[in-house]
């Protein structure tokens, strides 16, 4: 199983998730959100990445799966949750960091 780093491009994520199981940790998701917060790509890309990472071929870090799933749902569902801003991503990063500091 390939461990995601959070540095993958949208195209890499799509290829990896269609090619088998991948593993997503809270820290890797934080890396991805930091890239958006630093304007390395736009919100549309974040939404597509989150949608890609919600698929069945992605295993979430077990002890933090609820917070990872919630963050991905929020980002991939702008019609329900509103479009994420860089400020909201900073809040989501903080939530992931709190989850990441908890024992696994």
C-alpha atoms as a PDB file:
ATOM      1  CA  UNK A   1       0.000   0.000   0.000  1.00  0.00           C
ATOM      2  CA  UNK A   2       1.394   3.404  -1.020  1.00  0.00           C
ATOM      3  CA  UNK A   3       1.596   6.029   1.750  1.00  0.00           C
ATOM      4  CA  UNK A   4       0.575   9.465   0.523  1.00  0.00           C
ATOM      5  CA  UNK A   5       2.814  12.379   1.507  1.00  0.00           C
ATOM      6  CA  UNK A   6       0.454  15.255   0.722  1.00  0.00           C
ATOM      7  CA  UNK A   7       2.848  16.505  -1.962  1.00  0.00           C
ATOM      8  CA  UNK A   8       1.135  14.612  -4.784  1.00  0.00           C
ATOM      9  CA  UNK A   9      -0.501  16.501  -7.647  1.00  0.00           C
ATOM     10  CA  UNK A  10      -4.159  15.947  -8.490  1.00  0.00           C
ATOM     11  CA  UNK A  11      -3.140  13.768 -11.422  1.00  0.00           C
ATOM     12  CA  UNK A  12      -0.845  11.678  -9.225  1.00  0.00           C
ATOM     13  CA  UNK A  13      -3.607  11.201  -6.641  1.00  0.00           C
ATOM     14  CA  UNK A  14      -6.057  10.109  -9.306  1.00  0.00           C
ATOM     15  CA  UNK A  15      -3.559   7.619 -10.758  1.00  0.00           C
ATOM     16  CA  UNK A  16      -2.599   6.248  -7.335  1.00  0.00           C
ATOM     17  CA  UNK A  17      -6.182   5.782  -6.141  1.00  0.00           C
ATOM     18  CA  UNK A  18      -7.227   4.098  -9.372  1.00  0.00           C
ATOM     19  CA  UNK A  19      -4.220   1.765  -9.199  1.00  0.00           C
ATOM     20  CA  UNK A  20      -4.858   0.210  -5.794  1.00  0.00           C
ATOM     21  CA  UNK A  21      -5.017   0.951  -2.095  1.00  0.00           C
ATOM     22  CA  UNK A  22      -3.309   4.037  -0.678  1.00  0.00           C
ATOM     23  CA  UNK A  23      -2.886   5.281   2.894  1.00  0.00           C
ATOM     24  CA  UNK A  24      -3.678   8.838   4.010  1.00  0.00           C
ATOM     25  CA  UNK A  25      -2.507  10.171   7.368  1.00  0.00           C
ATOM     26  CA  UNK A  26      -3.635  13.351   9.124  1.00  0.00           C
ATOM     27  CA  UNK A  27      -0.167  14.826   8.620  1.00  0.00           C
ATOM     28  CA  UNK A  28      -0.246  14.134   4.846  1.00  0.00           C
ATOM     29  CA  UNK A  29      -3.636  15.822   4.580  1.00  0.00           C
ATOM     30  CA  UNK A  30      -2.209  18.800   6.493  1.00  0.00           C
ATOM     31  CA  UNK A  31       0.612  19.058   3.941  1.00  0.00           C
ATOM     32  CA  UNK A  32      -1.950  19.180   1.133  1.00  0.00           C
ATOM     33  CA  UNK A  33      -4.004  21.859   2.910  1.00  0.00           C
ATOM     34  CA  UNK A  34      -0.887  23.914   3.630  1.00  0.00           C
ATOM     35  CA  UNK A  35      -0.119  23.939  -0.094  1.00  0.00           C
ATOM     36  CA  UNK A  36      -3.559  25.467  -0.727  1.00  0.00           C
ATOM     37  CA  UNK A  37      -3.142  27.911   2.172  1.00  0.00           C
ATOM     38  CA  UNK A  38       0.159  28.987   0.581  1.00  0.00           C
ATOM     39  CA  UNK A  39      -1.603  29.556  -2.782  1.00  0.00           C
ATOM     40  CA  UNK A  40       0.228  26.709  -4.535  1.00  0.00           C
ATOM     41  CA  UNK A  41      -3.085  25.747  -6.187  1.00  0.00           C
ATOM     42  CA  UNK A  42      -6.703  26.862  -6.195  1.00  0.00           C
ATOM     43  CA  UNK A  43      -9.832  25.755  -4.393  1.00  0.00           C
ATOM     44  CA  UNK A  44     -11.098  23.791  -7.394  1.00  0.00           C
ATOM     45  CA  UNK A  45      -8.009  21.587  -7.182  1.00  0.00           C
ATOM     46  CA  UNK A  46      -8.485  21.143  -3.416  1.00  0.00           C
ATOM     47  CA  UNK A  47     -12.101  20.103  -3.992  1.00  0.00           C
ATOM     48  CA  UNK A  48     -11.090  17.587  -6.674  1.00  0.00           C
ATOM     49  CA  UNK A  49      -8.301  16.204  -4.486  1.00  0.00           C
ATOM     50  CA  UNK A  50     -10.684  15.805  -1.528  1.00  0.00           C
ATOM     51  CA  UNK A  51     -13.232  14.094  -3.775  1.00  0.00           C
ATOM     52  CA  UNK A  52     -10.518  11.738  -5.050  1.00  0.00           C
ATOM     53  CA  UNK A  53      -9.387  10.943  -1.495  1.00  0.00           C
ATOM     54  CA  UNK A  54     -12.901  10.031  -0.362  1.00  0.00           C
ATOM     55  CA  UNK A  55     -12.923   6.903  -2.533  1.00  0.00           C
ATOM     56  CA  UNK A  56     -12.849   3.324  -1.280  1.00  0.00           C
ATOM     57  CA  UNK A  57      -9.250   2.752  -2.358  1.00  0.00           C
ATOM     58  CA  UNK A  58      -7.988   5.176   0.328  1.00  0.00           C
ATOM     59  CA  UNK A  59      -7.391   3.937   3.862  1.00  0.00           C
ATOM     60  CA  UNK A  60      -7.290   6.681   6.475  1.00  0.00           C
ATOM     61  CA  UNK A  61      -5.025   6.681   9.496  1.00  0.00           C
ATOM     62  CA  UNK A  62      -7.170   4.562  11.795  1.00  0.00           C
ATOM     63  CA  UNK A  63      -7.037   6.583  15.008  1.00  0.00           C
ATOM     64  CA  UNK A  64      -7.729   9.800  13.094  1.00  0.00           C
ATOM     65  CA  UNK A  65     -10.100   8.531  10.424  1.00  0.00           C
ATOM     66  CA  UNK A  66     -13.118  10.497  11.693  1.00  0.00           C
ATOM     67  CA  UNK A  67     -11.389  13.880  11.495  1.00  0.00           C
ATOM     68  CA  UNK A  68      -9.800  13.019   8.129  1.00  0.00           C
ATOM     69  CA  UNK A  69     -13.188  11.971   6.739  1.00  0.00           C
ATOM     70  CA  UNK A  70     -14.842  15.145   8.061  1.00  0.00           C
ATOM     71  CA  UNK A  71     -12.185  17.402   6.518  1.00  0.00           C
ATOM     72  CA  UNK A  72     -12.437  15.636   3.152  1.00  0.00           C
ATOM     73  CA  UNK A  73     -16.233  15.784   3.217  1.00  0.00           C
ATOM     74  CA  UNK A  74     -16.188  19.497   3.986  1.00  0.00           C
ATOM     75  CA  UNK A  75     -13.738  20.231   1.185  1.00  0.00           C
ATOM     76  CA  UNK A  76     -15.373  18.016  -1.420  1.00  0.00           C
ATOM     77  CA  UNK A  77     -18.939  19.231  -0.785  1.00  0.00           C
ATOM     78  CA  UNK A  78     -19.007  23.000  -1.381  1.00  0.00           C
ATOM     79  CA  UNK A  79     -22.702  22.820  -2.296  1.00  0.00           C
ATOM     80  CA  UNK A  80     -23.385  21.697   1.304  1.00  0.00           C
ATOM     81  CA  UNK A  81     -20.556  23.280   3.289  1.00  0.00           C
ATOM     82  CA  UNK A  82     -19.752  26.356   1.212  1.00  0.00           C
ATOM     83  CA  UNK A  83     -16.534  26.942  -0.647  1.00  0.00           C
ATOM     84  CA  UNK A  84     -13.523  26.569   1.622  1.00  0.00           C
ATOM     85  CA  UNK A  85     -11.391  29.640   2.056  1.00  0.00           C
ATOM     86  CA  UNK A  86      -7.716  29.767   2.921  1.00  0.00           C
ATOM     87  CA  UNK A  87      -8.771  30.857   6.414  1.00  0.00           C
ATOM     88  CA  UNK A  88     -11.050  27.829   6.780  1.00  0.00           C
ATOM     89  CA  UNK A  89      -8.239  25.585   5.565  1.00  0.00           C
ATOM     90  CA  UNK A  90      -6.049  27.007   8.341  1.00  0.00           C
ATOM     91  CA  UNK A  91      -8.744  25.950  10.839  1.00  0.00           C
ATOM     92  CA  UNK A  92      -8.914  22.483   9.274  1.00  0.00           C
ATOM     93  CA  UNK A  93      -5.125  22.192   9.457  1.00  0.00           C
ATOM     94  CA  UNK A  94      -5.304  23.068  13.156  1.00  0.00           C
ATOM     95  CA  UNK A  95      -7.935  20.353  13.697  1.00  0.00           C
ATOM     96  CA  UNK A  96      -5.727  17.821  11.900  1.00  0.00           C
ATOM     97  CA  UNK A  97      -2.712  18.862  13.948  1.00  0.00           C
ATOM     98  CA  UNK A  98      -4.677  18.357  17.175  1.00  0.00           C
ATOM     99  CA  UNK A  99      -5.736  14.920  15.894  1.00  0.00           C
ATOM    100  CA  UNK A 100      -2.161  14.187  14.850  1.00  0.00           C
ATOM    101  CA  UNK A 101      -0.874  14.999  18.345  1.00  0.00           C
ATOM    102  CA  UNK A 102      -3.182  12.415  19.915  1.00  0.00           C
ATOM    103  CA  UNK A 103      -1.819   8.910  20.448  1.00  0.00           C
ATOM    104  CA  UNK A 104      -2.583   6.493  17.636  1.00  0.00           C
END
